[in-house]
């Protein structure tokens, strides 16, 4: 006698927690524990772990009760728009250090555009931990 395997699939999705804002937060606000809470609802794209958002900066306005998505937050900005920054190029045994003007705000690891003050040319570079911007082979690579 042959045995029959019966597989029952329930149409209910597994419940997951989603992270939402507890109040309206303006862009450039650093997220604190009181600014977010977990709700027992699976919201597509929403973060599920509060530790991923804690201490991060809101890149856009976050509205109360709305989900906090990874694209809505990022590392706190350490470079402001129009700030003078050290511009560093290293590649092929050559190292150049000069000054530039940041054309955008950004945090560690962000790629921003910077105007070289000596040549007035615009380059893209990655912000380092000390606020310097690295350009070239290793600096602006995503």
C-alpha atoms as a PDB file:
ATOM      1  CA  UNK A   1       0.000   0.000   0.000  1.00  0.00           C
ATOM      2  CA  UNK A   2       1.266   3.423  -0.872  1.00  0.00           C
ATOM      3  CA  UNK A   3       1.288   6.190   1.691  1.00  0.00           C
ATOM      4  CA  UNK A   4      -0.057   9.597   0.906  1.00  0.00           C
ATOM      5  CA  UNK A   5       1.575  12.750   2.161  1.00  0.00           C
ATOM      6  CA  UNK A   6      -0.796  15.616   2.724  1.00  0.00           C
ATOM      7  CA  UNK A   7       0.681  19.082   2.933  1.00  0.00           C
ATOM      8  CA  UNK A   8      -1.485  21.812   4.348  1.00  0.00           C
ATOM      9  CA  UNK A   9      -0.494  25.398   3.621  1.00  0.00           C
ATOM     10  CA  UNK A  10      -2.070  28.120   5.678  1.00  0.00           C
ATOM     11  CA  UNK A  11      -2.628  31.465   3.963  1.00  0.00           C
ATOM     12  CA  UNK A  12      -1.396  33.358   7.013  1.00  0.00           C
ATOM     13  CA  UNK A  13       2.005  35.026   6.802  1.00  0.00           C
ATOM     14  CA  UNK A  14       4.365  34.721   9.705  1.00  0.00           C
ATOM     15  CA  UNK A  15       4.138  37.719  12.016  1.00  0.00           C
ATOM     16  CA  UNK A  16       7.197  39.871  12.435  1.00  0.00           C
ATOM     17  CA  UNK A  17       7.851  43.044  14.356  1.00  0.00           C
ATOM     18  CA  UNK A  18       8.386  46.320  12.517  1.00  0.00           C
ATOM     19  CA  UNK A  19      10.048  49.490  13.739  1.00  0.00           C
ATOM     20  CA  UNK A  20       7.970  52.689  13.638  1.00  0.00           C
ATOM     21  CA  UNK A  21       8.553  56.263  14.779  1.00  0.00           C
ATOM     22  CA  UNK A  22       6.835  57.270  18.028  1.00  0.00           C
ATOM     23  CA  UNK A  23       6.733  60.953  17.033  1.00  0.00           C
ATOM     24  CA  UNK A  24       7.430  63.063  13.963  1.00  0.00           C
ATOM     25  CA  UNK A  25      11.204  63.441  13.573  1.00  0.00           C
ATOM     26  CA  UNK A  26      12.755  66.052  11.312  1.00  0.00           C
ATOM     27  CA  UNK A  27      15.560  65.136   8.962  1.00  0.00           C
ATOM     28  CA  UNK A  28      18.997  65.371  10.631  1.00  0.00           C
ATOM     29  CA  UNK A  29      17.607  64.169  13.996  1.00  0.00           C
ATOM     30  CA  UNK A  30      19.685  61.537  15.824  1.00  0.00           C
ATOM     31  CA  UNK A  31      17.422  58.612  16.766  1.00  0.00           C
ATOM     32  CA  UNK A  32      17.102  57.792  20.475  1.00  0.00           C
ATOM     33  CA  UNK A  33      15.240  54.866  22.106  1.00  0.00           C
ATOM     34  CA  UNK A  34      12.218  57.084  22.854  1.00  0.00           C
ATOM     35  CA  UNK A  35      11.888  57.966  19.145  1.00  0.00           C
ATOM     36  CA  UNK A  36      10.984  54.439  18.004  1.00  0.00           C
ATOM     37  CA  UNK A  37       8.990  51.367  18.978  1.00  0.00           C
ATOM     38  CA  UNK A  38       8.298  47.878  17.676  1.00  0.00           C
ATOM     39  CA  UNK A  39       4.810  46.989  16.521  1.00  0.00           C
ATOM     40  CA  UNK A  40       3.576  43.427  16.007  1.00  0.00           C
ATOM     41  CA  UNK A  41       2.993  43.856  12.305  1.00  0.00           C
ATOM     42  CA  UNK A  42       4.983  42.915   9.215  1.00  0.00           C
ATOM     43  CA  UNK A  43       5.474  46.156   7.278  1.00  0.00           C
ATOM     44  CA  UNK A  44       7.371  45.658   4.001  1.00  0.00           C
ATOM     45  CA  UNK A  45      10.731  47.411   4.049  1.00  0.00           C
ATOM     46  CA  UNK A  46      10.594  48.380   7.727  1.00  0.00           C
ATOM     47  CA  UNK A  47      13.512  47.626  10.020  1.00  0.00           C
ATOM     48  CA  UNK A  48      12.895  44.861  12.542  1.00  0.00           C
ATOM     49  CA  UNK A  49      15.809  45.513  14.923  1.00  0.00           C
ATOM     50  CA  UNK A  50      15.888  48.782  16.919  1.00  0.00           C
ATOM     51  CA  UNK A  51      19.668  48.499  17.380  1.00  0.00           C
ATOM     52  CA  UNK A  52      20.085  49.135  13.630  1.00  0.00           C
ATOM     53  CA  UNK A  53      18.424  52.555  13.982  1.00  0.00           C
ATOM     54  CA  UNK A  54      19.675  53.642  17.413  1.00  0.00           C
ATOM     55  CA  UNK A  55      22.147  56.525  17.090  1.00  0.00           C
ATOM     56  CA  UNK A  56      21.548  56.876  13.353  1.00  0.00           C
ATOM     57  CA  UNK A  57      20.460  60.131  11.731  1.00  0.00           C
ATOM     58  CA  UNK A  58      17.129  60.587   9.979  1.00  0.00           C
ATOM     59  CA  UNK A  59      17.842  61.413   6.323  1.00  0.00           C
ATOM     60  CA  UNK A  60      14.189  62.333   5.704  1.00  0.00           C
ATOM     61  CA  UNK A  61      11.299  63.368   7.945  1.00  0.00           C
ATOM     62  CA  UNK A  62       9.993  60.324   9.848  1.00  0.00           C
ATOM     63  CA  UNK A  63       6.309  60.570  10.727  1.00  0.00           C
ATOM     64  CA  UNK A  64       4.720  59.190  13.911  1.00  0.00           C
ATOM     65  CA  UNK A  65       3.388  55.658  13.446  1.00  0.00           C
ATOM     66  CA  UNK A  66       5.082  55.228  10.056  1.00  0.00           C
ATOM     67  CA  UNK A  67       7.758  52.587   9.451  1.00  0.00           C
ATOM     68  CA  UNK A  68      11.459  53.379   9.710  1.00  0.00           C
ATOM     69  CA  UNK A  69      13.223  52.002   6.643  1.00  0.00           C
ATOM     70  CA  UNK A  70      16.951  51.472   6.168  1.00  0.00           C
ATOM     71  CA  UNK A  71      17.048  54.050   3.355  1.00  0.00           C
ATOM     72  CA  UNK A  72      15.484  56.675   5.670  1.00  0.00           C
ATOM     73  CA  UNK A  73      18.405  56.677   8.115  1.00  0.00           C
ATOM     74  CA  UNK A  74      22.181  56.714   8.000  1.00  0.00           C
ATOM     75  CA  UNK A  75      25.278  57.476  10.010  1.00  0.00           C
ATOM     76  CA  UNK A  76      25.255  60.893  11.679  1.00  0.00           C
ATOM     77  CA  UNK A  77      26.709  63.601   9.453  1.00  0.00           C
ATOM     78  CA  UNK A  78      30.221  64.718  10.344  1.00  0.00           C
ATOM     79  CA  UNK A  79      30.641  66.901   7.252  1.00  0.00           C
ATOM     80  CA  UNK A  80      28.257  69.767   6.496  1.00  0.00           C
ATOM     81  CA  UNK A  81      27.546  71.381   3.157  1.00  0.00           C
ATOM     82  CA  UNK A  82      30.071  74.164   2.346  1.00  0.00           C
ATOM     83  CA  UNK A  83      32.473  72.924   5.038  1.00  0.00           C
ATOM     84  CA  UNK A  84      36.181  73.016   4.169  1.00  0.00           C
ATOM     85  CA  UNK A  85      37.510  69.438   4.262  1.00  0.00           C
ATOM     86  CA  UNK A  86      40.825  67.698   3.703  1.00  0.00           C
ATOM     87  CA  UNK A  87      40.753  66.134   0.255  1.00  0.00           C
ATOM     88  CA  UNK A  88      43.036  63.114  -0.064  1.00  0.00           C
ATOM     89  CA  UNK A  89      44.000  61.184  -3.188  1.00  0.00           C
ATOM     90  CA  UNK A  90      46.143  58.058  -3.019  1.00  0.00           C
ATOM     91  CA  UNK A  91      46.867  55.758  -5.932  1.00  0.00           C
ATOM     92  CA  UNK A  92      49.766  54.296  -7.855  1.00  0.00           C
ATOM     93  CA  UNK A  93      52.346  55.393  -5.286  1.00  0.00           C
ATOM     94  CA  UNK A  94      51.112  58.992  -5.472  1.00  0.00           C
ATOM     95  CA  UNK A  95      49.524  60.777  -2.514  1.00  0.00           C
ATOM     96  CA  UNK A  96      48.021  64.271  -2.760  1.00  0.00           C
ATOM     97  CA  UNK A  97      46.482  66.214   0.123  1.00  0.00           C
ATOM     98  CA  UNK A  98      44.623  69.482  -0.516  1.00  0.00           C
ATOM     99  CA  UNK A  99      41.557  71.371   0.653  1.00  0.00           C
ATOM    100  CA  UNK A 100      38.077  71.097  -0.763  1.00  0.00           C
ATOM    101  CA  UNK A 101      34.599  72.448  -0.139  1.00  0.00           C
ATOM    102  CA  UNK A 102      31.920  69.849   0.617  1.00  0.00           C
ATOM    103  CA  UNK A 103      28.934  70.214  -1.705  1.00  0.00           C
ATOM    104  CA  UNK A 104      26.705  68.003   0.485  1.00  0.00           C
ATOM    105  CA  UNK A 105      26.288  66.735   4.048  1.00  0.00           C
ATOM    106  CA  UNK A 106      27.385  63.240   4.912  1.00  0.00           C
ATOM    107  CA  UNK A 107      28.416  60.717   7.508  1.00  0.00           C
ATOM    108  CA  UNK A 108      31.270  58.239   7.677  1.00  0.00           C
ATOM    109  CA  UNK A 109      31.287  56.084   4.554  1.00  0.00           C
ATOM    110  CA  UNK A 110      29.003  58.334   2.500  1.00  0.00           C
ATOM    111  CA  UNK A 111      30.119  59.382  -0.974  1.00  0.00           C
ATOM    112  CA  UNK A 112      29.751  63.122  -1.533  1.00  0.00           C
ATOM    113  CA  UNK A 113      30.821  65.657  -4.145  1.00  0.00           C
ATOM    114  CA  UNK A 114      33.632  68.033  -3.181  1.00  0.00           C
ATOM    115  CA  UNK A 115      35.040  71.022  -5.042  1.00  0.00           C
ATOM    116  CA  UNK A 116      38.853  71.104  -5.084  1.00  0.00           C
ATOM    117  CA  UNK A 117      39.677  74.674  -4.006  1.00  0.00           C
ATOM    118  CA  UNK A 118      42.971  74.762  -5.922  1.00  0.00           C
ATOM    119  CA  UNK A 119      41.642  73.635  -9.319  1.00  0.00           C
ATOM    120  CA  UNK A 120      37.899  74.407  -8.870  1.00  0.00           C
ATOM    121  CA  UNK A 121      37.120  70.947 -10.233  1.00  0.00           C
ATOM    122  CA  UNK A 122      34.430  68.795  -8.664  1.00  0.00           C
ATOM    123  CA  UNK A 123      35.208  65.237  -7.555  1.00  0.00           C
ATOM    124  CA  UNK A 124      33.370  62.516  -5.641  1.00  0.00           C
ATOM    125  CA  UNK A 125      34.881  60.962  -2.563  1.00  0.00           C
ATOM    126  CA  UNK A 126      34.135  58.854   0.499  1.00  0.00           C
ATOM    127  CA  UNK A 127      34.038  60.480   3.942  1.00  0.00           C
ATOM    128  CA  UNK A 128      36.496  58.994   6.456  1.00  0.00           C
ATOM    129  CA  UNK A 129      36.189  58.758  10.238  1.00  0.00           C
ATOM    130  CA  UNK A 130      38.144  61.986  10.742  1.00  0.00           C
ATOM    131  CA  UNK A 131      36.039  63.987   8.288  1.00  0.00           C
ATOM    132  CA  UNK A 132      38.578  63.774   5.465  1.00  0.00           C
ATOM    133  CA  UNK A 133      37.323  62.912   1.984  1.00  0.00           C
ATOM    134  CA  UNK A 134      39.220  60.270   0.010  1.00  0.00           C
ATOM    135  CA  UNK A 135      39.063  60.296  -3.783  1.00  0.00           C
ATOM    136  CA  UNK A 136      40.595  58.050  -6.399  1.00  0.00           C
ATOM    137  CA  UNK A 137      40.834  54.318  -6.771  1.00  0.00           C
ATOM    138  CA  UNK A 138      39.865  53.471  -3.175  1.00  0.00           C
ATOM    139  CA  UNK A 139      37.950  56.573  -2.082  1.00  0.00           C
ATOM    140  CA  UNK A 140      34.815  56.820  -4.194  1.00  0.00           C
ATOM    141  CA  UNK A 141      34.197  53.136  -4.864  1.00  0.00           C
ATOM    142  CA  UNK A 142      30.694  52.076  -3.693  1.00  0.00           C
END
